[in-house]
Amino acid sequence: MGERVINTNEVVEIRAEIPEGHKHLRTRLVLSDGEELVLQEATVAAMVRAYIDIKTHPQKTEVELKGRRLFEQKEGFAEWQLVEGE
């Protein structure tokens, strides 16, 4: 599967909400072609962490987060996490 860049002008709506009966945020991107992408809170949080890490670091230009199953994690965190690559 090739890389796809979603340009800002393709995004017609972003909706962030906690759906009824859920505890975590979901973020929905609606694209001009009608496609909808729904991101779970943990995914958006990982993207924000990566963004802040790069934008606030004087030299970093890249961060790689990889999905990993963690057998020991903080309380309230899922086993599957996007963490900085090694």
PDB file of N, CA and C in Angstrom:
ATOM      1  N   MET A   1       0.839  -1.177   0.000  1.00  0.00           N
ATOM      2  CA  MET A   1       0.000   0.000   0.000  1.00  0.00           C
ATOM      3  C   MET A   1       0.879   1.234   0.000  1.00  0.00           C
ATOM      4  N   GLY A   2       0.632   2.150  -0.906  1.00  0.00           N
ATOM      5  CA  GLY A   2       1.463   3.336  -1.035  1.00  0.00           C
ATOM      6  C   GLY A   2       1.087   4.436  -0.053  1.00  0.00           C
ATOM      7  N   GLU A   3       1.929   5.403   0.007  1.00  0.00           N
ATOM      8  CA  GLU A   3       1.715   6.549   0.887  1.00  0.00           C
ATOM      9  C   GLU A   3       0.620   7.446   0.322  1.00  0.00           C
ATOM     10  N   ARG A   4      -0.239   7.933   1.177  1.00  0.00           N
ATOM     11  CA  ARG A   4      -1.270   8.882   0.765  1.00  0.00           C
ATOM     12  C   ARG A   4      -1.150  10.120   1.632  1.00  0.00           C
ATOM     13  N   VAL A   5      -1.043  11.255   1.002  1.00  0.00           N
ATOM     14  CA  VAL A   5      -0.996  12.527   1.712  1.00  0.00           C
ATOM     15  C   VAL A   5      -2.384  13.141   1.638  1.00  0.00           C
ATOM     16  N   ILE A   6      -2.947  13.489   2.777  1.00  0.00           N
ATOM     17  CA  ILE A   6      -4.244  14.157   2.809  1.00  0.00           C
ATOM     18  C   ILE A   6      -3.974  15.645   2.951  1.00  0.00           C
ATOM     19  N   ASN A   7      -4.267  16.388   1.900  1.00  0.00           N
ATOM     20  CA  ASN A   7      -4.057  17.829   1.913  1.00  0.00           C
ATOM     21  C   ASN A   7      -5.154  18.512   2.729  1.00  0.00           C
ATOM     22  N   THR A   8      -4.828  19.629   3.325  1.00  0.00           N
ATOM     23  CA  THR A   8      -5.788  20.360   4.139  1.00  0.00           C
ATOM     24  C   THR A   8      -7.046  20.699   3.353  1.00  0.00           C
ATOM     25  N   ASN A   9      -6.901  21.023   2.069  1.00  0.00           N
ATOM     26  CA  ASN A   9      -8.085  21.389   1.289  1.00  0.00           C
ATOM     27  C   ASN A   9      -8.985  20.193   0.971  1.00  0.00           C
ATOM     28  N   GLU A  10      -8.552  18.980   1.299  1.00  0.00           N
ATOM     29  CA  GLU A  10      -9.387  17.792   1.145  1.00  0.00           C
ATOM     30  C   GLU A  10     -10.251  17.540   2.380  1.00  0.00           C
ATOM     31  N   VAL A  11      -9.903  18.170   3.492  1.00  0.00           N
ATOM     32  CA  VAL A  11     -10.616  17.959   4.751  1.00  0.00           C
ATOM     33  C   VAL A  11     -11.732  18.991   4.842  1.00  0.00           C
ATOM     34  N   VAL A  12     -12.970  18.506   4.842  1.00  0.00           N
ATOM     35  CA  VAL A  12     -14.108  19.423   4.901  1.00  0.00           C
ATOM     36  C   VAL A  12     -14.671  19.536   6.312  1.00  0.00           C
ATOM     37  N   GLU A  13     -14.316  18.593   7.181  1.00  0.00           N
ATOM     38  CA  GLU A  13     -14.807  18.648   8.557  1.00  0.00           C
ATOM     39  C   GLU A  13     -13.934  17.795   9.454  1.00  0.00           C
ATOM     40  N   ILE A  14     -13.718  18.280  10.662  1.00  0.00           N
ATOM     41  CA  ILE A  14     -13.089  17.485  11.720  1.00  0.00           C
ATOM     42  C   ILE A  14     -14.035  17.563  12.908  1.00  0.00           C
ATOM     43  N   ARG A  15     -14.402  16.397  13.430  1.00  0.00           N
ATOM     44  CA  ARG A  15     -15.275  16.372  14.598  1.00  0.00           C
ATOM     45  C   ARG A  15     -14.606  15.517  15.671  1.00  0.00           C
ATOM     46  N   ALA A  16     -14.387  16.108  16.829  1.00  0.00           N
ATOM     47  CA  ALA A  16     -13.836  15.379  17.965  1.00  0.00           C
ATOM     48  C   ALA A  16     -14.935  15.273  19.018  1.00  0.00           C
ATOM     49  N   GLU A  17     -15.191  14.058  19.473  1.00  0.00           N
ATOM     50  CA  GLU A  17     -16.248  13.855  20.459  1.00  0.00           C
ATOM     51  C   GLU A  17     -16.025  12.560  21.230  1.00  0.00           C
ATOM     52  N   ILE A  18     -16.644  12.500  22.372  1.00  0.00           N
ATOM     53  CA  ILE A  18     -16.699  11.253  23.123  1.00  0.00           C
ATOM     54  C   ILE A  18     -18.081  10.668  22.839  1.00  0.00           C
ATOM     55  N   PRO A  19     -18.142   9.590  22.069  1.00  0.00           N
ATOM     56  CA  PRO A  19     -19.446   9.022  21.723  1.00  0.00           C
ATOM     57  C   PRO A  19     -20.202   8.543  22.967  1.00  0.00           C
ATOM     58  N   GLU A  20     -21.494   8.577  22.884  1.00  0.00           N
ATOM     59  CA  GLU A  20     -22.333   8.116  23.986  1.00  0.00           C
ATOM     60  C   GLU A  20     -21.972   6.678  24.334  1.00  0.00           C
ATOM     61  N   GLY A  21     -21.813   6.426  25.608  1.00  0.00           N
ATOM     62  CA  GLY A  21     -21.480   5.084  26.068  1.00  0.00           C
ATOM     63  C   GLY A  21     -19.992   4.778  26.049  1.00  0.00           C
ATOM     64  N   HIS A  22     -19.172   5.746  25.629  1.00  0.00           N
ATOM     65  CA  HIS A  22     -17.717   5.557  25.586  1.00  0.00           C
ATOM     66  C   HIS A  22     -17.034   6.519  26.551  1.00  0.00           C
ATOM     67  N   LYS A  23     -15.762   6.258  26.832  1.00  0.00           N
ATOM     68  CA  LYS A  23     -14.983   7.108  27.725  1.00  0.00           C
ATOM     69  C   LYS A  23     -13.912   7.899  26.997  1.00  0.00           C
ATOM     70  N   HIS A  24     -13.581   7.473  25.786  1.00  0.00           N
ATOM     71  CA  HIS A  24     -12.444   8.060  25.093  1.00  0.00           C
ATOM     72  C   HIS A  24     -12.870   8.828  23.846  1.00  0.00           C
ATOM     73  N   LEU A  25     -12.071   9.822  23.542  1.00  0.00           N
ATOM     74  CA  LEU A  25     -12.305  10.699  22.401  1.00  0.00           C
ATOM     75  C   LEU A  25     -12.159   9.941  21.077  1.00  0.00           C
ATOM     76  N   ARG A  26     -12.983  10.281  20.119  1.00  0.00           N
ATOM     77  CA  ARG A  26     -12.832   9.816  18.744  1.00  0.00           C
ATOM     78  C   ARG A  26     -12.778  11.061  17.868  1.00  0.00           C
ATOM     79  N   THR A  27     -11.903  11.065  16.901  1.00  0.00           N
ATOM     80  CA  THR A  27     -11.775  12.197  15.990  1.00  0.00           C
ATOM     81  C   THR A  27     -12.084  11.720  14.580  1.00  0.00           C
ATOM     82  N   ARG A  28     -13.074  12.359  13.964  1.00  0.00           N
ATOM     83  CA  ARG A  28     -13.528  11.983  12.627  1.00  0.00           C
ATOM     84  C   ARG A  28     -13.093  13.056  11.640  1.00  0.00           C
ATOM     85  N   LEU A  29     -12.411  12.639  10.591  1.00  0.00           N
ATOM     86  CA  LEU A  29     -12.067  13.525   9.491  1.00  0.00           C
ATOM     87  C   LEU A  29     -12.967  13.161   8.320  1.00  0.00           C
ATOM     88  N   VAL A  30     -13.677  14.142   7.786  1.00  0.00           N
ATOM     89  CA  VAL A  30     -14.522  13.936   6.617  1.00  0.00           C
ATOM     90  C   VAL A  30     -13.804  14.587   5.447  1.00  0.00           C
ATOM     91  N   LEU A  31     -13.546  13.799   4.407  1.00  0.00           N
ATOM     92  CA  LEU A  31     -12.816  14.289   3.242  1.00  0.00           C
ATOM     93  C   LEU A  31     -13.780  14.712   2.141  1.00  0.00           C
ATOM     94  N   SER A  32     -13.294  15.529   1.250  1.00  0.00           N
ATOM     95  CA  SER A  32     -14.126  16.078   0.184  1.00  0.00           C
ATOM     96  C   SER A  32     -14.723  15.005  -0.728  1.00  0.00           C
ATOM     97  N   ASP A  33     -14.092  13.833  -0.809  1.00  0.00           N
ATOM     98  CA  ASP A  33     -14.624  12.753  -1.642  1.00  0.00           C
ATOM     99  C   ASP A  33     -15.642  11.892  -0.888  1.00  0.00           C
ATOM    100  N   GLY A  34     -15.958  12.284   0.352  1.00  0.00           N
ATOM    101  CA  GLY A  34     -16.929  11.557   1.152  1.00  0.00           C
ATOM    102  C   GLY A  34     -16.326  10.525   2.088  1.00  0.00           C
ATOM    103  N   GLU A  35     -15.045  10.218   1.918  1.00  0.00           N
ATOM    104  CA  GLU A  35     -14.391   9.256   2.808  1.00  0.00           C
ATOM    105  C   GLU A  35     -14.323   9.823   4.221  1.00  0.00           C
ATOM    106  N   GLU A  36     -14.498   8.964   5.210  1.00  0.00           N
ATOM    107  CA  GLU A  36     -14.401   9.364   6.604  1.00  0.00           C
ATOM    108  C   GLU A  36     -13.363   8.502   7.303  1.00  0.00           C
ATOM    109  N   LEU A  37     -12.491   9.147   8.037  1.00  0.00           N
ATOM    110  CA  LEU A  37     -11.486   8.456   8.837  1.00  0.00           C
ATOM    111  C   LEU A  37     -11.796   8.748  10.299  1.00  0.00           C
ATOM    112  N   VAL A  38     -11.845   7.710  11.117  1.00  0.00           N
ATOM    113  CA  VAL A  38     -12.097   7.884  12.545  1.00  0.00           C
ATOM    114  C   VAL A  38     -10.854   7.405  13.290  1.00  0.00           C
ATOM    115  N   LEU A  39     -10.294   8.300  14.083  1.00  0.00           N
ATOM    116  CA  LEU A  39      -9.084   7.990  14.845  1.00  0.00           C
ATOM    117  C   LEU A  39      -9.431   7.890  16.316  1.00  0.00           C
ATOM    118  N   GLN A  40      -8.917   6.861  16.962  1.00  0.00           N
ATOM    119  CA  GLN A  40      -9.118   6.715  18.397  1.00  0.00           C
ATOM    120  C   GLN A  40      -8.233   7.700  19.143  1.00  0.00           C
ATOM    121  N   GLU A  41      -8.605   7.980  20.387  1.00  0.00           N
ATOM    122  CA  GLU A  41      -7.884   8.953  21.209  1.00  0.00           C
ATOM    123  C   GLU A  41      -6.395   8.648  21.301  1.00  0.00           C
ATOM    124  N   ALA A  42      -6.046   7.384  21.502  1.00  0.00           N
ATOM    125  CA  ALA A  42      -4.627   7.029  21.660  1.00  0.00           C
ATOM    126  C   ALA A  42      -3.823   7.335  20.399  1.00  0.00           C
ATOM    127  N   THR A  43      -4.436   7.175  19.236  1.00  0.00           N
ATOM    128  CA  THR A  43      -3.753   7.471  17.975  1.00  0.00           C
ATOM    129  C   THR A  43      -3.499   8.969  17.842  1.00  0.00           C
ATOM    130  N   VAL A  44      -4.517   9.763  18.133  1.00  0.00           N
ATOM    131  CA  VAL A  44      -4.357  11.225  18.062  1.00  0.00           C
ATOM    132  C   VAL A  44      -3.332  11.686  19.093  1.00  0.00           C
ATOM    133  N   ALA A  45      -3.379  11.121  20.292  1.00  0.00           N
ATOM    134  CA  ALA A  45      -2.415  11.493  21.336  1.00  0.00           C
ATOM    135  C   ALA A  45      -0.987  11.194  20.892  1.00  0.00           C
ATOM    136  N   ALA A  46      -0.779  10.057  20.240  1.00  0.00           N
ATOM    137  CA  ALA A  46       0.558   9.706  19.746  1.00  0.00           C
ATOM    138  C   ALA A  46       1.011  10.693  18.678  1.00  0.00           C
ATOM    139  N   MET A  47       0.100  11.077  17.800  1.00  0.00           N
ATOM    140  CA  MET A  47       0.445  12.051  16.754  1.00  0.00           C
ATOM    141  C   MET A  47       0.797  13.404  17.369  1.00  0.00           C
ATOM    142  N   VAL A  48       0.053  13.804  18.382  1.00  0.00           N
ATOM    143  CA  VAL A  48       0.334  15.080  19.057  1.00  0.00           C
ATOM    144  C   VAL A  48       1.680  15.019  19.764  1.00  0.00           C
ATOM    145  N   ARG A  49       1.979  13.904  20.427  1.00  0.00           N
ATOM    146  CA  ARG A  49       3.293  13.754  21.091  1.00  0.00           C
ATOM    147  C   ARG A  49       4.423  13.883  20.075  1.00  0.00           C
ATOM    148  N   ALA A  50       4.282  13.222  18.932  1.00  0.00           N
ATOM    149  CA  ALA A  50       5.319  13.277  17.896  1.00  0.00           C
ATOM    150  C   ALA A  50       5.461  14.696  17.356  1.00  0.00           C
ATOM    151  N   TYR A  51       4.338  15.340  17.096  1.00  0.00           N
ATOM    152  CA  TYR A  51       4.344  16.716  16.575  1.00  0.00           C
ATOM    153  C   TYR A  51       5.066  17.654  17.547  1.00  0.00           C
ATOM    154  N   ILE A  52       4.687  17.598  18.810  1.00  0.00           N
ATOM    155  CA  ILE A  52       5.297  18.485  19.811  1.00  0.00           C
ATOM    156  C   ILE A  52       6.783  18.186  19.956  1.00  0.00           C
ATOM    157  N   ASP A  53       7.143  16.906  19.942  1.00  0.00           N
ATOM    158  CA  ASP A  53       8.548  16.524  20.081  1.00  0.00           C
ATOM    159  C   ASP A  53       9.397  17.140  18.972  1.00  0.00           C
ATOM    160  N   ILE A  54       8.920  17.095  17.752  1.00  0.00           N
ATOM    161  CA  ILE A  54       9.674  17.649  16.619  1.00  0.00           C
ATOM    162  C   ILE A  54       9.656  19.175  16.627  1.00  0.00           C
ATOM    163  N   LYS A  55       8.485  19.763  16.826  1.00  0.00           N
ATOM    164  CA  LYS A  55       8.354  21.225  16.737  1.00  0.00           C
ATOM    165  C   LYS A  55       9.057  21.964  17.871  1.00  0.00           C
ATOM    166  N   THR A  56       9.258  21.321  19.006  1.00  0.00           N
ATOM    167  CA  THR A  56       9.884  22.002  20.142  1.00  0.00           C
ATOM    168  C   THR A  56      11.351  21.627  20.338  1.00  0.00           C
ATOM    169  N   HIS A  57      11.855  20.713  19.542  1.00  0.00           N
ATOM    170  CA  HIS A  57      13.252  20.281  19.674  1.00  0.00           C
ATOM    171  C   HIS A  57      14.121  21.090  18.723  1.00  0.00           C
ATOM    172  N   PRO A  58      15.273  21.562  19.188  1.00  0.00           N
ATOM    173  CA  PRO A  58      16.107  22.403  18.331  1.00  0.00           C
ATOM    174  C   PRO A  58      16.752  21.686  17.146  1.00  0.00           C
ATOM    175  N   GLN A  59      16.823  20.357  17.190  1.00  0.00           N
ATOM    176  CA  GLN A  59      17.495  19.641  16.104  1.00  0.00           C
ATOM    177  C   GLN A  59      16.679  18.508  15.488  1.00  0.00           C
ATOM    178  N   LYS A  60      15.748  17.948  16.220  1.00  0.00           N
ATOM    179  CA  LYS A  60      14.985  16.808  15.699  1.00  0.00           C
ATOM    180  C   LYS A  60      14.141  17.204  14.506  1.00  0.00           C
ATOM    181  N   THR A  61      14.151  16.348  13.505  1.00  0.00           N
ATOM    182  CA  THR A  61      13.294  16.558  12.331  1.00  0.00           C
ATOM    183  C   THR A  61      12.434  15.330  12.057  1.00  0.00           C
ATOM    184  N   GLU A  62      12.555  14.319  12.914  1.00  0.00           N
ATOM    185  CA  GLU A  62      11.831  13.078  12.682  1.00  0.00           C
ATOM    186  C   GLU A  62      11.621  12.335  13.993  1.00  0.00           C
ATOM    187  N   VAL A  63      10.465  11.740  14.133  1.00  0.00           N
ATOM    188  CA  VAL A  63      10.165  10.835  15.247  1.00  0.00           C
ATOM    189  C   VAL A  63       9.439   9.649  14.645  1.00  0.00           C
ATOM    190  N   GLU A  64       9.791   8.470  15.063  1.00  0.00           N
ATOM    191  CA  GLU A  64       9.112   7.274  14.581  1.00  0.00           C
ATOM    192  C   GLU A  64       8.456   6.580  15.765  1.00  0.00           C
ATOM    193  N   LEU A  65       7.153   6.414  15.694  1.00  0.00           N
ATOM    194  CA  LEU A  65       6.417   5.673  16.716  1.00  0.00           C
ATOM    195  C   LEU A  65       5.996   4.349  16.105  1.00  0.00           C
ATOM    196  N   LYS A  66       6.162   3.273  16.863  1.00  0.00           N
ATOM    197  CA  LYS A  66       5.796   1.945  16.368  1.00  0.00           C
ATOM    198  C   LYS A  66       4.820   1.305  17.338  1.00  0.00           C
ATOM    199  N   GLY A  67       3.879   0.562  16.766  1.00  0.00           N
ATOM    200  CA  GLY A  67       2.924  -0.152  17.594  1.00  0.00           C
ATOM    201  C   GLY A  67       3.579  -1.346  18.256  1.00  0.00           C
ATOM    202  N   ARG A  68       3.380  -1.420  19.570  1.00  0.00           N
ATOM    203  CA  ARG A  68       3.969  -2.517  20.341  1.00  0.00           C
ATOM    204  C   ARG A  68       3.009  -2.950  21.434  1.00  0.00           C
ATOM    205  N   ARG A  69       3.051  -4.216  21.738  1.00  0.00           N
ATOM    206  CA  ARG A  69       2.306  -4.736  22.873  1.00  0.00           C
ATOM    207  C   ARG A  69       3.205  -4.604  24.099  1.00  0.00           C
ATOM    208  N   LEU A  70       2.740  -3.848  25.074  1.00  0.00           N
ATOM    209  CA  LEU A  70       3.494  -3.658  26.308  1.00  0.00           C
ATOM    210  C   LEU A  70       2.871  -4.520  27.392  1.00  0.00           C
ATOM    211  N   PHE A  71       3.682  -5.323  28.020  1.00  0.00           N
ATOM    212  CA  PHE A  71       3.162  -6.215  29.047  1.00  0.00           C
ATOM    213  C   PHE A  71       3.172  -5.542  30.418  1.00  0.00           C
ATOM    214  N   GLU A  72       3.864  -4.406  30.510  1.00  0.00           N
ATOM    215  CA  GLU A  72       3.835  -3.588  31.723  1.00  0.00           C
ATOM    216  C   GLU A  72       3.598  -2.164  31.280  1.00  0.00           C
ATOM    217  N   GLN A  73       2.508  -1.569  31.754  1.00  0.00           N
ATOM    218  CA  GLN A  73       2.192  -0.195  31.384  1.00  0.00           C
ATOM    219  C   GLN A  73       1.518   0.498  32.564  1.00  0.00           C
ATOM    220  N   LYS A  74       1.436   1.808  32.473  1.00  0.00           N
ATOM    221  CA  LYS A  74       0.773   2.582  33.510  1.00  0.00           C
ATOM    222  C   LYS A  74      -0.690   2.168  33.619  1.00  0.00           C
ATOM    223  N   GLU A  75      -1.243   2.333  34.812  1.00  0.00           N
ATOM    224  CA  GLU A  75      -2.656   2.020  35.021  1.00  0.00           C
ATOM    225  C   GLU A  75      -3.525   2.861  34.089  1.00  0.00           C
ATOM    226  N   GLY A  76      -4.507   2.233  33.494  1.00  0.00           N
ATOM    227  CA  GLY A  76      -5.413   2.931  32.596  1.00  0.00           C
ATOM    228  C   GLY A  76      -4.958   2.933  31.145  1.00  0.00           C
ATOM    229  N   PHE A  77      -3.772   2.417  30.869  1.00  0.00           N
ATOM    230  CA  PHE A  77      -3.260   2.371  29.504  1.00  0.00           C
ATOM    231  C   PHE A  77      -3.476   0.981  28.916  1.00  0.00           C
ATOM    232  N   ALA A  78      -3.774   0.937  27.635  1.00  0.00           N
ATOM    233  CA  ALA A  78      -3.969  -0.336  26.935  1.00  0.00           C
ATOM    234  C   ALA A  78      -2.628  -1.031  26.724  1.00  0.00           C
ATOM    235  N   GLU A  79      -2.701  -2.342  26.486  1.00  0.00           N
ATOM    236  CA  GLU A  79      -1.483  -3.110  26.189  1.00  0.00           C
ATOM    237  C   GLU A  79      -0.821  -2.631  24.905  1.00  0.00           C
ATOM    238  N   TRP A  80      -1.623  -2.331  23.865  1.00  0.00           N
ATOM    239  CA  TRP A  80      -1.079  -1.927  22.563  1.00  0.00           C
ATOM    240  C   TRP A  80      -0.869  -0.421  22.570  1.00  0.00           C
ATOM    241  N   GLN A  81       0.381  -0.010  22.342  1.00  0.00           N
ATOM    242  CA  GLN A  81       0.719   1.416  22.375  1.00  0.00           C
ATOM    243  C   GLN A  81       1.594   1.783  21.186  1.00  0.00           C
ATOM    244  N   LEU A  82       1.508   3.027  20.777  1.00  0.00           N
ATOM    245  CA  LEU A  82       2.420   3.589  19.783  1.00  0.00           C
ATOM    246  C   LEU A  82       3.527   4.277  20.561  1.00  0.00           C
ATOM    247  N   VAL A  83       4.734   3.693  20.495  1.00  0.00           N
ATOM    248  CA  VAL A  83       5.863   4.214  21.280  1.00  0.00           C
ATOM    249  C   VAL A  83       7.038   4.494  20.359  1.00  0.00           C
ATOM    250  N   GLU A  84       7.934   5.354  20.846  1.00  0.00           N
ATOM    251  CA  GLU A  84       9.086   5.740  20.042  1.00  0.00           C
ATOM    252  C   GLU A  84       9.937   4.520  19.714  1.00  0.00           C
ATOM    253  N   GLY A  85      10.325   4.417  18.420  1.00  0.00           N
ATOM    254  CA  GLY A  85      11.109   3.292  17.931  1.00  0.00           C
ATOM    255  C   GLY A  85      12.485   3.230  18.568  1.00  0.00           C
ATOM    256  N   GLU A  86      13.037   2.039  18.567  1.00  0.00           N
ATOM    257  CA  GLU A  86      14.375   1.844  19.146  1.00  0.00           C
ATOM    258  C   GLU A  86      15.369   1.515  18.076  1.00  0.00           C
TER     259      GLU A  86
END
